[in-house]
Protein backbone atom coordinates (compact mmCIF):
# COMPACT_ATOMS: atom_id res chain seq x y z
CA UNK A 1 81.40 97.39 128.15
CA UNK A 2 77.29 97.75 129.55
CA UNK A 3 75.91 94.87 130.79
CA UNK A 4 73.36 94.04 128.08
CA UNK A 5 76.15 93.88 125.51
CA UNK A 6 78.15 91.88 127.49
CA UNK A 7 75.37 89.40 128.00
CA UNK A 8 73.82 89.41 124.07
CA UNK A 9 77.85 88.80 123.07
CA UNK A 10 78.05 86.03 125.44
CA UNK A 11 74.63 84.01 124.50
CA UNK A 12 74.30 85.33 120.50
CA UNK A 13 76.42 82.58 119.09
CA UNK A 14 74.50 79.77 121.00
CA UNK A 15 70.67 81.44 120.12
CA UNK A 16 72.30 81.74 116.63
CA UNK A 17 73.89 77.77 116.76
CA UNK A 18 70.26 76.65 117.47
CA UNK A 19 68.99 78.51 114.73
CA UNK A 20 67.52 81.46 115.94
CA UNK A 21 67.72 85.46 116.39
CA UNK A 22 68.34 86.76 119.85
CA UNK A 23 66.26 90.06 119.10
CA UNK A 24 67.10 91.68 122.54
CA UNK A 25 68.54 91.24 126.43
CA UNK A 26 66.43 93.00 129.08
CA UNK A 27 68.10 93.46 132.60
CA UNK A 28 65.80 94.02 135.41
CA UNK A 29 67.19 94.94 138.99
CA UNK A 30 65.28 93.49 141.88
CA UNK A 31 66.55 94.23 144.94
CA UNK A 32 69.41 91.99 145.68
CA UNK A 33 69.09 89.93 142.83
CA UNK A 34 68.67 90.31 138.63
CA UNK A 35 65.96 89.29 136.17
CA UNK A 36 67.23 88.61 132.74
CA UNK A 37 65.05 88.45 129.85
CA UNK A 38 66.73 86.84 126.69
CA UNK A 39 63.82 87.75 123.41
CA UNK A 40 64.46 85.11 120.86
CA UNK A 41 63.07 84.55 117.42
CA UNK A 42 63.22 82.23 114.83
CA UNK A 43 61.63 82.18 111.13
CA UNK A 44 58.93 80.55 112.44
CA UNK A 45 57.00 80.60 116.01
CA UNK A 46 59.37 78.57 118.47
CA UNK A 47 57.75 75.95 120.22
CA UNK A 48 58.07 74.96 123.53
CA UNK A 49 61.21 72.66 123.12
CA UNK A 50 62.71 74.69 121.18
CA UNK A 51 62.68 77.19 123.88
CA UNK A 52 63.77 74.85 126.79
CA UNK A 53 66.97 73.63 124.25
CA UNK A 54 67.90 77.70 124.32
CA UNK A 55 66.59 78.46 127.50
CA UNK A 56 69.30 75.10 128.85
CA UNK A 57 72.09 76.83 126.36
CA UNK A 58 71.91 80.21 127.70
CA UNK A 59 71.66 80.00 131.42
CA UNK A 60 75.00 77.79 131.15
CA UNK A 61 76.67 79.91 129.77
CA UNK A 62 75.67 83.17 131.82
CA UNK A 63 76.41 80.82 135.33
CA UNK A 64 79.56 80.52 133.96
CA UNK A 65 80.36 84.70 133.19
CA UNK A 66 82.53 85.94 135.25
CA UNK A 67 80.97 90.05 134.27
CA UNK A 68 77.50 88.89 136.41
CA UNK A 69 79.99 88.65 139.83
CA UNK A 70 77.93 86.99 142.76
CA UNK A 71 74.81 89.21 142.07
CA UNK A 72 71.75 85.93 141.77
CA UNK A 73 69.80 86.49 138.90
CA UNK A 74 66.76 84.71 137.01
CA UNK A 75 66.52 83.96 133.15
CA UNK A 76 64.09 83.67 131.21
CA UNK A 77 63.61 82.66 127.47
CA UNK A 78 60.72 84.45 125.21
CA UNK A 79 59.43 84.86 122.07
CA UNK A 80 58.67 87.76 121.06
CA UNK A 81 55.18 89.18 122.09
CA UNK A 82 52.52 90.68 119.16
CA UNK A 83 53.19 94.18 120.84
CA UNK A 84 56.94 93.84 119.68
CA UNK A 85 56.97 96.21 116.58
CA UNK A 86 58.38 95.14 112.98
CA UNK A 87 61.49 96.32 112.35
CA UNK A 88 63.42 93.85 109.90
CA UNK A 89 62.73 92.27 106.87
CA UNK A 90 63.00 88.93 108.72
CA UNK A 91 59.89 89.84 110.74
CA UNK A 92 58.20 90.69 107.99
CA UNK A 93 58.27 87.41 106.18
CA UNK A 94 57.70 85.78 109.46
CA UNK A 95 54.61 87.85 109.66
CA UNK A 96 53.37 87.25 105.80
CA UNK A 97 49.51 87.51 105.74
CA UNK A 98 49.01 88.62 108.77
CA UNK A 99 47.09 91.75 109.28
CA UNK A 100 49.08 94.94 110.80
CA UNK A 101 49.06 98.64 111.35
CA UNK A 102 52.00 101.48 109.88
CA UNK A 103 51.93 104.22 111.51
CA UNK A 104 54.72 106.17 108.77
CA UNK A 105 57.02 108.72 109.38
CA UNK A 106 54.51 111.55 108.50
CA UNK A 107 51.72 110.20 110.55
CA UNK A 108 49.45 108.65 108.00
CA UNK A 109 48.98 105.26 108.70
CA UNK A 110 48.22 102.11 106.58
CA UNK A 111 46.12 99.01 107.68
CA UNK A 112 45.84 96.19 105.99
CA UNK A 113 47.42 92.48 104.64
CA UNK A 114 51.31 91.98 104.66
CA UNK A 115 51.27 90.63 101.02
CA UNK A 116 55.07 90.72 100.09
CA UNK A 117 58.17 92.15 100.97
CA UNK A 118 61.83 92.34 100.55
CA UNK A 119 64.72 93.90 102.00
CA UNK A 120 63.56 97.41 101.29
CA UNK A 121 59.52 97.50 101.26
CA UNK A 122 56.27 95.95 102.10
CA UNK A 123 53.20 95.66 99.70
CA UNK A 124 50.22 95.93 102.31
CA UNK A 125 46.55 94.68 100.82
CA UNK A 126 43.27 95.88 102.23
CA UNK A 127 39.82 96.12 101.77
CA UNK A 128 40.48 99.65 99.94
CA UNK A 129 43.83 99.61 97.84
CA UNK A 130 47.27 97.84 97.77
CA UNK A 131 50.21 100.21 99.13
CA UNK A 132 53.90 99.83 98.97
CA UNK A 133 55.27 101.38 101.57
CA UNK A 134 59.32 101.99 101.88
CA UNK A 135 60.55 100.93 105.68
CA UNK A 136 62.67 103.94 105.72
CA UNK A 137 59.46 105.31 105.70
CA UNK A 138 57.97 103.84 108.39
CA UNK A 139 57.93 105.32 112.33
CA UNK A 140 56.25 101.96 113.89
CA UNK A 141 54.81 98.94 112.61
CA UNK A 142 52.91 96.18 114.75
CA UNK A 143 50.72 93.24 114.01
CA UNK A 144 47.02 93.46 114.83
CA UNK A 145 45.62 90.59 117.15
CA UNK A 146 42.39 88.60 115.01
CA UNK A 147 40.33 86.55 117.07
CA UNK A 148 38.41 85.13 114.78
CA UNK A 149 40.27 84.77 110.98
CA UNK A 150 39.60 81.75 109.02
CA UNK A 151 42.54 80.26 107.97
CA UNK A 152 42.96 78.38 104.28
CA UNK A 153 44.71 75.04 104.67
């Protein structure tokens, strides 16, 4: 089993137990040490206290992991950045009403706001139209950054 999978299998129960999702594990070999990055997400954005709790749980597990041998490592735990693609139905739910850009498998581009989503498709609205897009037809989808968006409270 590859190291990435071993780490994922080890830490996933602790992350899920804390109420979050393990999105990915990245390993960078840096000379005589490693940088292990665990990308953790939730149904709502994580705050610093939550990241701290998950980091401590992951760190304790990795400190005892026999498959890491004696190689020194640095642990980084973070939430997914805005550049991370939307790939799962829960990503769409979490980003409801956010501005997105979808590249379809046929090359067409759909831009607008997430109006609704379910397990198989997303509804996107824009000033031009409303479109329902099946997840199976999406090549890549990302959240677009908005700096001056007014939010109703």
